[in-house]
C-alpha atoms as a PDB file:
ATOM      1  CA  MET A   1      93.200  92.234 128.966  1.00  0.00           C
ATOM      2  CA  SER A   2      90.338  92.413 126.489  1.00  0.00           C
ATOM      3  CA  GLU A   3      90.566  91.467 122.829  1.00  0.00           C
ATOM      4  CA  ASP A   4      90.382  95.141 121.885  1.00  0.00           C
ATOM      5  CA  ASP A   5      93.533  95.981 123.814  1.00  0.00           C
ATOM      6  CA  VAL A   6      96.611  96.474 121.612  1.00  0.00           C
ATOM      7  CA  GLY A   7      99.527  94.478 123.005  1.00  0.00           C
ATOM      8  CA  ILE A   8     102.410  92.444 121.866  1.00  0.00           C
ATOM      9  CA  PRO A   9     101.279  90.052 119.144  1.00  0.00           C
ATOM     10  CA  ASP A  10     101.701  86.316 119.684  1.00  0.00           C
ATOM     11  CA  SER A  11     105.123  85.246 118.584  1.00  0.00           C
ATOM     12  CA  ASP A  12     106.779  81.995 117.947  1.00  0.00           C
ATOM     13  CA  PRO A  13     108.934  81.505 121.063  1.00  0.00           C
ATOM     14  CA  GLN A  14     111.499  79.668 118.876  1.00  0.00           C
ATOM     15  CA  HIS A  15     111.910  82.663 116.610  1.00  0.00           C
ATOM     16  CA  ILE A  16     112.217  86.116 118.137  1.00  0.00           C
ATOM     17  CA  ASP A  17     111.378  88.761 115.467  1.00  0.00           C
ATOM     18  CA  PRO A  18     110.609  92.136 116.998  1.00  0.00           C
ATOM     19  CA  ALA A  19     110.640  93.835 113.635  1.00  0.00           C
ATOM     20  CA  GLY A  20     108.084  91.343 112.289  1.00  0.00           C
ATOM     21  CA  ASP A  21     105.959  91.854 115.463  1.00  0.00           C
ATOM     22  CA  LEU A  22     105.960  95.607 114.903  1.00  0.00           C
ATOM     23  CA  ALA A  23     105.082  95.137 111.243  1.00  0.00           C
ATOM     24  CA  ALA A  24     102.145  92.926 112.327  1.00  0.00           C
ATOM     25  CA  LEU A  25     100.931  95.684 114.726  1.00  0.00           C
ATOM     26  CA  VAL A  26     101.147  98.350 111.913  1.00  0.00           C
ATOM     27  CA  GLU A  27      99.309  95.989 109.539  1.00  0.00           C
ATOM     28  CA  SER A  28      96.573  95.465 112.044  1.00  0.00           C
ATOM     29  CA  GLY A  29      95.269  98.988 111.260  1.00  0.00           C
ATOM     30  CA  LYS A  30      94.699  99.779 114.943  1.00  0.00           C
ATOM     31  CA  PHE A  31      97.005 102.777 114.649  1.00  0.00           C
ATOM     32  CA  ASP A  32      96.425 106.040 112.899  1.00  0.00           C
ATOM     33  CA  LEU A  33      99.631 106.341 110.834  1.00  0.00           C
ATOM     34  CA  GLU A  34     100.256 108.604 107.916  1.00  0.00           C
ATOM     35  CA  LEU A  35     103.083 109.684 105.668  1.00  0.00           C
ATOM     36  CA  SER A  36     104.903 112.864 106.494  1.00  0.00           C
ATOM     37  CA  GLU A  37     104.189 115.798 104.155  1.00  0.00           C
ATOM     38  CA  ASP A  38     107.738 115.521 102.639  1.00  0.00           C
ATOM     39  CA  GLN A  39     107.536 111.755 102.028  1.00  0.00           C
ATOM     40  CA  ASP A  40     106.908 110.811  98.354  1.00  0.00           C
ATOM     41  CA  PRO A  41     104.590 107.786  98.192  1.00  0.00           C
ATOM     42  CA  GLU A  42     106.199 106.693  94.953  1.00  0.00           C
ATOM     43  CA  ASP A  43     109.600 106.411  96.680  1.00  0.00           C
ATOM     44  CA  LEU A  44     108.053 104.039  99.150  1.00  0.00           C
ATOM     45  CA  ARG A  45     106.336 102.010  96.376  1.00  0.00           C
ATOM     46  CA  GLU A  46     109.698 101.779  94.617  1.00  0.00           C
ATOM     47  CA  PHE A  47     111.399 100.570  97.892  1.00  0.00           C
ATOM     48  CA  ILE A  48     108.671  97.900  98.428  1.00  0.00           C
ATOM     49  CA  LYS A  49     108.960  96.696  94.863  1.00  0.00           C
ATOM     50  CA  SER A  50     112.741  96.421  95.134  1.00  0.00           C
ATOM     51  CA  VAL A  51     112.510  94.400  98.315  1.00  0.00           C
ATOM     52  CA  GLU A  52     109.777  92.119  96.889  1.00  0.00           C
ATOM     53  CA  ASN A  53     111.563  91.580  93.603  1.00  0.00           C
ATOM     54  CA  SER A  54     115.067  91.077  94.924  1.00  0.00           C
ATOM     55  CA  ASP A  55     116.790  87.864  94.046  1.00  0.00           C
ATOM     56  CA  ASP A  56     119.024  88.277  96.961  1.00  0.00           C
ATOM     57  CA  PRO A  57     117.779  87.291 100.486  1.00  0.00           C
ATOM     58  CA  THR A  58     116.858  90.279 102.658  1.00  0.00           C
ATOM     59  CA  ASP A  59     117.055  90.473 106.411  1.00  0.00           C
ATOM     60  CA  PRO A  60     113.958  90.361 108.549  1.00  0.00           C
ATOM     61  CA  GLY A  61     114.190  94.029 109.417  1.00  0.00           C
ATOM     62  CA  THR A  62     114.132  95.043 105.732  1.00  0.00           C
ATOM     63  CA  ASN A  63     111.150  92.760 105.106  1.00  0.00           C
ATOM     64  CA  ALA A  64     109.262  94.209 108.118  1.00  0.00           C
ATOM     65  CA  THR A  65     110.044  97.739 106.931  1.00  0.00           C
ATOM     66  CA  ALA A  66     108.530  96.930 103.558  1.00  0.00           C
ATOM     67  CA  ARG A  67     105.427  95.497 105.233  1.00  0.00           C
ATOM     68  CA  MET A  68     105.036  98.569 107.346  1.00  0.00           C
ATOM     69  CA  ALA A  69     105.461 100.875 104.347  1.00  0.00           C
ATOM     70  CA  ARG A  70     102.900  98.941 102.418  1.00  0.00           C
ATOM     71  CA  ALA A  71     100.406  99.088 105.334  1.00  0.00           C
ATOM     72  CA  ILE A  72     100.913 102.865 105.671  1.00  0.00           C
ATOM     73  CA  LEU A  73     100.447 103.397 101.917  1.00  0.00           C
ATOM     74  CA  GLU A  74      97.269 101.209 101.835  1.00  0.00           C
ATOM     75  CA  GLN A  75      95.874 103.272 104.788  1.00  0.00           C
ATOM     76  CA  THR A  76      96.795 106.516 103.075  1.00  0.00           C
ATOM     77  CA  ASP A  77      95.179 105.356  99.814  1.00  0.00           C
ATOM     78  CA  ARG A  78      92.008 104.357 101.611  1.00  0.00           C
ATOM     79  CA  GLU A  79      91.775 107.681 103.390  1.00  0.00           C
ATOM     80  CA  THR A  80      92.436 109.537 100.101  1.00  0.00           C
ATOM     81  CA  SER A  81      89.805 107.687  98.201  1.00  0.00           C
ATOM     82  CA  SER A  82      87.191 108.012 100.916  1.00  0.00           C
ATOM     83  CA  SER A  83      87.686 111.839 101.084  1.00  0.00           C
ATOM     84  CA  GLU A  84      87.145 112.241  97.353  1.00  0.00           C
END
């Protein structure tokens, strides 16, 4: 398998975190992901902010979802700014 192949990221064998592994793949930028036409980017930004600013602990799945949402928004923002 070459370094360019997308596969399962290295994980800590003592800590299985499939949601975190998926978030790492999305953050890698190796996938062409975009928001659906009916998704409001501001709703996602609000979700991310609420997760990051929460005083209560959040589960790994919620944290991974916020990471994926942030990565998709960043990719969308880059594509929008490069097309202008």
